[in-house]
Amino acid sequence: MCKGCPSRQPFASGPEPKLTIYIGSATKPPGRRRTFLIPVQIPPGLEAFLDEAWLAAKDVPGFLTESEARFLGMMAACAPGSGAIVEIGSFKGKSTVMLGKVAQRYGVGPVVAIDPHNFNNPELKEHRSAPGATSYNEFLKNIENAGVSQFIETHCAFSTDVARSWNRPIRFLWIDGDHGYPVAKSDFDGFTPHLIPHGFVALHDALHEFSGPIRVFVEDVLRSDSFGPAGFVNSIAWSQFRPQDGATFRDVRAGIELRASRLLPFVADNQPLHGLRKIRYKVARSRVPRSLPALSNWVKLLNQ
C-alpha cells in the first residue's frame, strides 16, 4: 500500500452464484474434442440499468465516454463464472462507480480497484498540483457518494506490487493504468494468468496516442489462440479469454489485427503526433471498427 493512503477493509461478498455450463458442439471445428462452453447470459433489466449506472458515474471526473462506460457495464454484468472484477487505474473513480453499480445490482464482484493515486504516469502529470498530491481522498468520496463503497476493495498501491501476491480468479480484467508499453505489458502479464476461461480482458486508450494498450492488444491478444471474440468500443480494446477454442476465432482476430497493427508505428516512441503524421494516424484509426454493439448481438457473438 502506498504511503499516506488510509487502509480499507476488503469487500465481503456473499455466496457465489451457481455457474451454468453446457457442452457445445455446433461450432466445434472438425476433429477437435468437444469442449465445455460457458454461456454468456444477459442479466434481467441490464439495458435500462446501464442508463441508471451511467447517471451515477457521468459527473465523476475521468476520461471514460458514455459508450465506453456502458460497454464496461456489459462486460462486468455478463462475464460468466466466479471471480473478481479487477480495475487497474482508478483515478477519481469514474469507471469504478460504473463497475460498482453493476456489482451492487447483480451481486458480481468484488470490484478490486488498484491505483497508487499519485498521478505517477505521464498522462496524469498535469493533474498533479504538488509533489505529494493524491487523488485517493477524492476517489473515496466519489465512490461513497455513489453508494458503492461497500462493493469496492481498494488498493492504494502500484499494480506490480498487488500482482506479486495475487492468487484469486478474475472474471473481468480492466487495464487503464500507465499507458506506456512496459507498464501495460506488466499489468497484462501480472494478472491474465488468473483470468478464468470465458472471462474478459479490456484495455483503455488503445486508440489514442499511447504505445502500451494497442501493442499489448495486438501482440498478446489478437495474435494468441488463447483469446476468442475481440474488438474495439471507442478506445477500449477487448477480448474474451477462450483457451480451449480460441483458434476457431483466428480469422476474426486476424481481420482486426490487420487494421489495428497499422497504428503501431505511429505510437512506438510514445511521443505526441503532429502535422501529416497525425493525419495519417487518424486515417488509419478511422478504419478500425469501434462502435458500441447492440447487447443481444454482442452476446450472440460470445456464445459461438
Protein backbone atom coordinates (compact mmCIF):
# COMPACT_ATOMS: atom_id res chain seq x y z
CA MET A 1 0.00 0.00 0.00
CA CYS A 2 1.31 3.45 -0.82
CA LYS A 3 2.47 5.74 1.96
CA GLY A 4 -0.21 8.06 3.28
CA CYS A 5 -3.17 6.07 1.95
CA PRO A 6 -5.61 5.03 4.69
CA SER A 7 -6.46 1.35 4.69
CA ARG A 8 -9.87 -0.04 3.82
CA GLN A 9 -11.39 -3.42 4.60
CA PRO A 10 -11.68 -5.92 1.72
CA PHE A 11 -15.05 -6.41 0.11
CA ALA A 12 -17.06 -9.09 1.86
CA SER A 13 -19.02 -10.99 -0.75
CA GLY A 14 -21.93 -13.38 -0.27
CA PRO A 15 -22.19 -16.85 -1.75
CA GLU A 16 -21.06 -17.05 -5.35
CA PRO A 17 -23.88 -17.71 -7.84
CA LYS A 18 -24.04 -21.19 -9.32
CA LEU A 19 -22.45 -21.50 -12.73
CA THR A 20 -24.43 -22.88 -15.65
CA ILE A 21 -22.35 -24.96 -18.07
CA TYR A 22 -23.35 -26.67 -21.27
CA ILE A 23 -21.43 -28.77 -23.77
CA GLY A 24 -21.19 -27.04 -27.11
CA SER A 25 -20.72 -28.77 -30.45
CA ALA A 26 -22.38 -26.58 -33.07
CA THR A 27 -19.27 -24.50 -33.70
CA LYS A 28 -16.73 -27.20 -32.82
CA PRO A 29 -14.12 -27.48 -35.63
CA PRO A 30 -13.79 -30.91 -37.27
CA GLY A 31 -11.55 -33.27 -35.40
CA ARG A 32 -11.46 -31.19 -32.22
CA ARG A 33 -12.55 -32.71 -28.93
CA ARG A 34 -15.83 -31.38 -27.52
CA THR A 35 -15.18 -28.65 -25.01
CA PHE A 36 -17.13 -27.20 -22.14
CA LEU A 37 -18.53 -23.80 -23.08
CA ILE A 38 -19.78 -21.32 -20.53
CA PRO A 39 -22.73 -19.37 -21.96
CA VAL A 40 -22.90 -15.63 -21.62
CA GLN A 41 -26.33 -14.59 -20.42
CA ILE A 42 -27.90 -11.13 -20.22
CA PRO A 43 -28.99 -10.33 -16.65
CA PRO A 44 -32.58 -9.08 -16.26
CA GLY A 45 -33.09 -5.40 -16.98
CA LEU A 46 -29.47 -4.75 -17.96
CA GLU A 47 -30.17 -2.28 -20.78
CA ALA A 48 -32.19 0.04 -18.55
CA PHE A 49 -29.87 -0.40 -15.62
CA LEU A 50 -26.85 0.75 -17.66
CA ASP A 51 -28.63 4.09 -18.08
CA GLU A 52 -29.02 4.31 -14.32
CA ALA A 53 -25.41 3.36 -13.67
CA TRP A 54 -24.14 5.95 -16.16
CA LEU A 55 -26.14 8.67 -14.39
CA ALA A 56 -24.21 7.82 -11.23
CA ALA A 57 -20.83 7.81 -12.98
CA LYS A 58 -21.01 10.54 -15.60
CA ASP A 59 -20.19 13.51 -13.35
CA VAL A 60 -17.22 11.83 -11.70
CA PRO A 61 -14.01 13.32 -13.15
CA GLY A 62 -12.35 10.96 -15.60
CA PHE A 63 -11.76 10.01 -19.21
CA LEU A 64 -14.49 7.47 -19.92
CA THR A 65 -17.10 8.18 -22.60
CA GLU A 66 -20.71 7.05 -22.22
CA SER A 67 -20.38 4.27 -24.80
CA GLU A 68 -17.22 3.02 -23.07
CA ALA A 69 -18.92 3.10 -19.67
CA ARG A 70 -21.90 1.17 -20.98
CA PHE A 71 -19.61 -1.43 -22.50
CA LEU A 72 -17.72 -1.81 -19.22
CA GLY A 73 -21.07 -2.43 -17.58
CA MET A 74 -21.94 -5.04 -20.20
CA MET A 75 -18.71 -6.95 -19.63
CA ALA A 76 -18.93 -6.75 -15.85
CA ALA A 77 -22.55 -7.93 -15.80
CA CYS A 78 -22.25 -10.64 -18.44
CA ALA A 79 -18.87 -12.21 -17.70
CA PRO A 80 -19.65 -15.82 -16.80
CA GLY A 81 -18.14 -17.67 -13.90
CA SER A 82 -16.93 -16.62 -10.47
CA GLY A 83 -14.11 -14.23 -9.73
CA ALA A 84 -13.11 -10.67 -9.11
CA ILE A 85 -13.53 -7.64 -11.35
CA VAL A 86 -10.05 -6.09 -11.33
CA GLU A 87 -9.59 -2.44 -12.27
CA ILE A 88 -6.03 -1.22 -12.78
CA GLY A 89 -6.10 2.57 -12.77
CA SER A 90 -8.99 4.21 -10.94
CA PHE A 91 -8.07 7.92 -10.91
CA LYS A 92 -11.08 9.58 -9.25
CA GLY A 93 -13.47 6.69 -9.66
CA LYS A 94 -15.47 7.16 -12.85
CA SER A 95 -15.14 3.59 -14.10
CA THR A 96 -15.07 2.33 -10.51
CA VAL A 97 -18.54 3.75 -9.90
CA MET A 98 -19.83 2.17 -13.11
CA LEU A 99 -18.43 -1.22 -12.16
CA GLY A 100 -19.52 -0.83 -8.56
CA LYS A 101 -23.10 -0.16 -9.61
CA VAL A 102 -23.10 -3.38 -11.63
CA ALA A 103 -21.66 -5.30 -8.68
CA GLN A 104 -24.31 -3.81 -6.42
CA ARG A 105 -27.21 -4.64 -8.73
CA TYR A 106 -26.25 -8.13 -9.88
CA GLY A 107 -24.20 -9.48 -7.00
CA VAL A 108 -20.99 -9.84 -9.00
CA GLY A 109 -17.60 -8.85 -7.74
CA PRO A 110 -15.82 -7.77 -5.75
CA VAL A 111 -14.54 -4.80 -7.76
CA VAL A 112 -10.85 -4.59 -6.88
CA ALA A 113 -9.65 -1.05 -7.62
CA ILE A 114 -5.85 -0.70 -7.87
CA ASP A 115 -4.18 2.69 -8.17
CA PRO A 116 -1.34 4.45 -6.27
CA HIS A 117 -3.32 7.69 -6.67
CA ASN A 118 -0.16 9.76 -7.01
CA PHE A 119 -0.54 10.96 -10.62
CA ASN A 120 2.60 8.95 -11.40
CA ASN A 121 2.04 8.27 -15.08
CA PRO A 122 2.73 10.81 -17.84
CA GLU A 123 -0.89 11.20 -18.94
CA LEU A 124 -1.90 12.41 -15.45
CA LYS A 125 1.04 14.67 -14.67
CA GLU A 126 -0.94 17.83 -15.48
CA HIS A 127 -3.33 16.92 -12.66
CA ARG A 128 -0.54 16.85 -10.05
CA SER A 129 -0.88 20.14 -8.17
CA ALA A 130 2.02 19.45 -5.79
CA PRO A 131 4.77 16.83 -5.42
CA GLY A 132 2.79 14.92 -2.80
CA ALA A 133 -0.63 15.32 -4.41
CA THR A 134 -3.05 12.40 -4.30
CA SER A 135 -6.41 11.57 -5.84
CA TYR A 136 -7.20 8.96 -3.19
CA ASN A 137 -9.41 11.04 -0.90
CA GLU A 138 -11.48 12.31 -3.83
CA PHE A 139 -11.74 8.75 -5.13
CA LEU A 140 -13.09 7.55 -1.78
CA LYS A 141 -15.54 10.45 -1.64
CA ASN A 142 -16.86 9.70 -5.15
CA ILE A 143 -17.49 6.00 -4.56
CA GLU A 144 -19.10 6.85 -1.21
CA ASN A 145 -21.39 9.44 -2.79
CA ALA A 146 -22.40 6.90 -5.45
CA GLY A 147 -23.33 4.41 -2.75
CA VAL A 148 -20.96 1.70 -3.94
CA SER A 149 -18.05 1.87 -1.49
CA GLN A 150 -19.03 -1.39 0.22
CA PHE A 151 -18.71 -3.18 -3.13
CA ILE A 152 -15.19 -1.87 -3.83
CA GLU A 153 -11.98 -3.36 -2.48
CA THR A 154 -9.43 -0.57 -2.79
CA HIS A 155 -5.68 -0.99 -3.09
CA CYS A 156 -3.82 2.31 -2.93
CA ALA A 157 -0.74 0.69 -4.43
CA PHE A 158 1.14 0.07 -7.65
CA SER A 159 -0.32 -2.73 -9.74
CA THR A 160 3.03 -4.53 -9.85
CA ASP A 161 3.04 -4.78 -6.05
CA VAL A 162 -0.51 -6.17 -5.97
CA ALA A 163 0.24 -8.65 -8.77
CA ARG A 164 3.09 -10.26 -6.84
CA SER A 165 0.76 -11.70 -4.21
CA TRP A 166 -2.42 -12.01 -6.27
CA ASN A 167 -3.93 -15.51 -6.10
CA ARG A 168 -7.64 -15.09 -6.88
CA PRO A 169 -9.58 -15.87 -10.07
CA ILE A 170 -10.52 -12.90 -12.24
CA ARG A 171 -13.65 -12.77 -14.38
CA PHE A 172 -13.04 -9.30 -15.83
CA LEU A 173 -9.67 -7.54 -16.06
CA TRP A 174 -9.87 -3.81 -16.85
CA ILE A 175 -6.46 -2.25 -17.58
CA ASP A 176 -6.40 1.54 -17.51
CA GLY A 177 -3.16 2.41 -15.71
CA ASP A 178 0.10 3.74 -17.08
CA HIS A 179 -0.21 3.57 -20.88
CA GLY A 180 3.49 3.16 -21.64
CA TYR A 181 4.34 -0.24 -23.10
CA PRO A 182 6.47 -1.63 -20.22
CA VAL A 183 3.79 -1.00 -17.59
CA ALA A 184 0.83 -2.03 -19.77
CA LYS A 185 2.67 -5.27 -20.61
CA SER A 186 3.48 -5.83 -16.94
CA ASP A 187 -0.18 -5.34 -15.97
CA PHE A 188 -1.30 -7.79 -18.63
CA ASP A 189 1.32 -10.41 -17.73
CA GLY A 190 0.79 -9.97 -14.00
CA PHE A 191 -2.96 -10.56 -13.93
CA THR A 192 -4.07 -12.52 -17.02
CA PRO A 193 -2.73 -15.82 -15.61
CA HIS A 194 -5.64 -15.54 -13.16
CA LEU A 195 -8.29 -14.83 -15.81
CA ILE A 196 -10.93 -17.57 -15.86
CA PRO A 197 -11.95 -19.20 -19.16
CA HIS A 198 -14.60 -17.09 -20.90
CA GLY A 199 -13.74 -14.07 -18.77
CA PHE A 200 -12.92 -10.70 -20.34
CA VAL A 201 -9.85 -8.51 -20.63
CA ALA A 202 -10.07 -4.88 -21.76
CA LEU A 203 -7.50 -2.10 -22.22
CA HIS A 204 -8.42 1.57 -22.29
CA ASP A 205 -7.00 4.19 -24.68
CA ALA A 206 -5.87 1.63 -27.23
CA LEU A 207 -6.93 4.03 -30.00
CA HIS A 208 -5.20 7.05 -28.54
CA GLU A 209 -1.58 8.08 -28.94
CA PHE A 210 -0.07 5.66 -26.42
CA SER A 211 2.21 2.74 -27.18
CA GLY A 212 1.15 0.33 -24.44
CA PRO A 213 -2.52 -0.65 -24.80
CA ILE A 214 -2.55 -1.08 -28.59
CA ARG A 215 0.73 -3.01 -28.71
CA VAL A 216 -0.31 -5.38 -25.90
CA PHE A 217 -3.67 -5.91 -27.59
CA VAL A 218 -2.15 -6.70 -30.98
CA GLU A 219 0.79 -8.80 -29.83
CA ASP A 220 -0.64 -10.60 -26.79
CA VAL A 221 -4.34 -10.86 -27.58
CA LEU A 222 -5.05 -10.71 -31.30
CA ARG A 223 -2.07 -12.93 -32.15
CA SER A 224 -2.90 -15.50 -29.48
CA ASP A 225 -5.17 -18.51 -29.86
CA SER A 226 -5.91 -18.24 -26.15
CA PHE A 227 -8.41 -15.49 -27.00
CA GLY A 228 -11.66 -15.62 -28.94
CA PRO A 229 -14.08 -12.82 -29.83
CA ALA A 230 -12.39 -9.41 -29.79
CA GLY A 231 -12.86 -5.85 -30.92
CA PHE A 232 -12.92 -2.17 -30.05
CA VAL A 233 -15.55 0.05 -28.47
CA ASN A 234 -14.49 3.65 -28.90
CA SER A 235 -10.96 3.43 -27.42
CA ILE A 236 -11.47 0.21 -25.44
CA ALA A 237 -9.79 -2.89 -26.86
CA TRP A 238 -11.43 -6.05 -25.53
CA SER A 239 -11.43 -9.80 -25.90
CA GLN A 240 -12.82 -12.93 -24.30
CA PHE A 241 -10.37 -15.47 -22.88
CA ARG A 242 -11.06 -18.74 -24.73
CA PRO A 243 -8.06 -21.03 -24.10
CA GLN A 244 -9.92 -24.15 -25.22
CA ASP A 245 -11.34 -22.95 -28.53
CA GLY A 246 -9.69 -19.61 -29.32
CA ALA A 247 -8.26 -21.00 -32.55
CA THR A 248 -11.77 -21.07 -34.04
CA PHE A 249 -11.75 -17.25 -33.88
CA ARG A 250 -8.35 -16.88 -35.53
CA ASP A 251 -9.74 -15.37 -38.73
CA VAL A 252 -11.87 -12.89 -36.77
CA ARG A 253 -8.88 -11.73 -34.75
CA ALA A 254 -6.68 -11.57 -37.86
CA GLY A 255 -9.12 -9.18 -39.53
CA ILE A 256 -8.99 -6.87 -36.51
CA GLU A 257 -5.21 -7.17 -36.28
CA LEU A 258 -4.81 -6.16 -39.92
CA ARG A 259 -6.28 -2.75 -39.14
CA ALA A 260 -5.04 -2.29 -35.57
CA SER A 261 -1.42 -3.20 -36.28
CA ARG A 262 -1.14 -0.29 -38.72
CA LEU A 263 -1.30 2.05 -35.73
CA LEU A 264 1.78 0.61 -34.02
CA PRO A 265 4.48 2.53 -35.94
CA PHE A 266 2.79 5.83 -35.14
CA VAL A 267 2.84 5.36 -31.37
CA ALA A 268 6.03 3.33 -30.92
CA ASP A 269 8.02 6.21 -29.44
CA ASN A 270 5.20 7.42 -27.14
CA GLN A 271 5.57 10.97 -28.48
CA PRO A 272 2.73 13.34 -29.44
CA LEU A 273 1.82 13.27 -33.11
CA HIS A 274 1.81 16.41 -35.22
CA GLY A 275 1.13 17.54 -38.76
CA LEU A 276 0.98 14.99 -41.56
CA ARG A 277 1.94 12.13 -39.24
CA LYS A 278 -1.06 12.84 -37.03
CA ILE A 279 -3.36 12.99 -40.05
CA ARG A 280 -2.05 9.63 -41.27
CA TYR A 281 -2.60 8.15 -37.82
CA LYS A 282 -6.19 9.38 -37.74
CA VAL A 283 -6.84 7.96 -41.21
CA ALA A 284 -5.51 4.56 -40.11
CA ARG A 285 -7.54 4.73 -36.89
CA SER A 286 -10.72 5.59 -38.78
CA ARG A 287 -10.53 2.19 -40.47
CA VAL A 288 -10.80 0.37 -37.14
CA PRO A 289 -14.47 -0.52 -36.36
CA ARG A 290 -15.23 0.71 -32.84
CA SER A 291 -18.94 1.32 -32.37
CA LEU A 292 -20.83 0.05 -29.33
CA PRO A 293 -22.50 -3.23 -30.32
CA ALA A 294 -26.12 -3.99 -29.55
CA LEU A 295 -26.21 -6.06 -26.39
CA SER A 296 -28.04 -9.01 -27.96
CA ASN A 297 -25.70 -9.11 -30.98
CA TRP A 298 -22.62 -8.98 -28.76
CA VAL A 299 -23.85 -11.86 -26.60
CA LYS A 300 -24.65 -13.89 -29.72
CA LEU A 301 -21.05 -13.44 -30.87
CA LEU A 302 -19.73 -14.57 -27.50
CA ASN A 303 -21.88 -17.69 -27.49
CA GLN A 304 -20.48 -19.06 -30.74
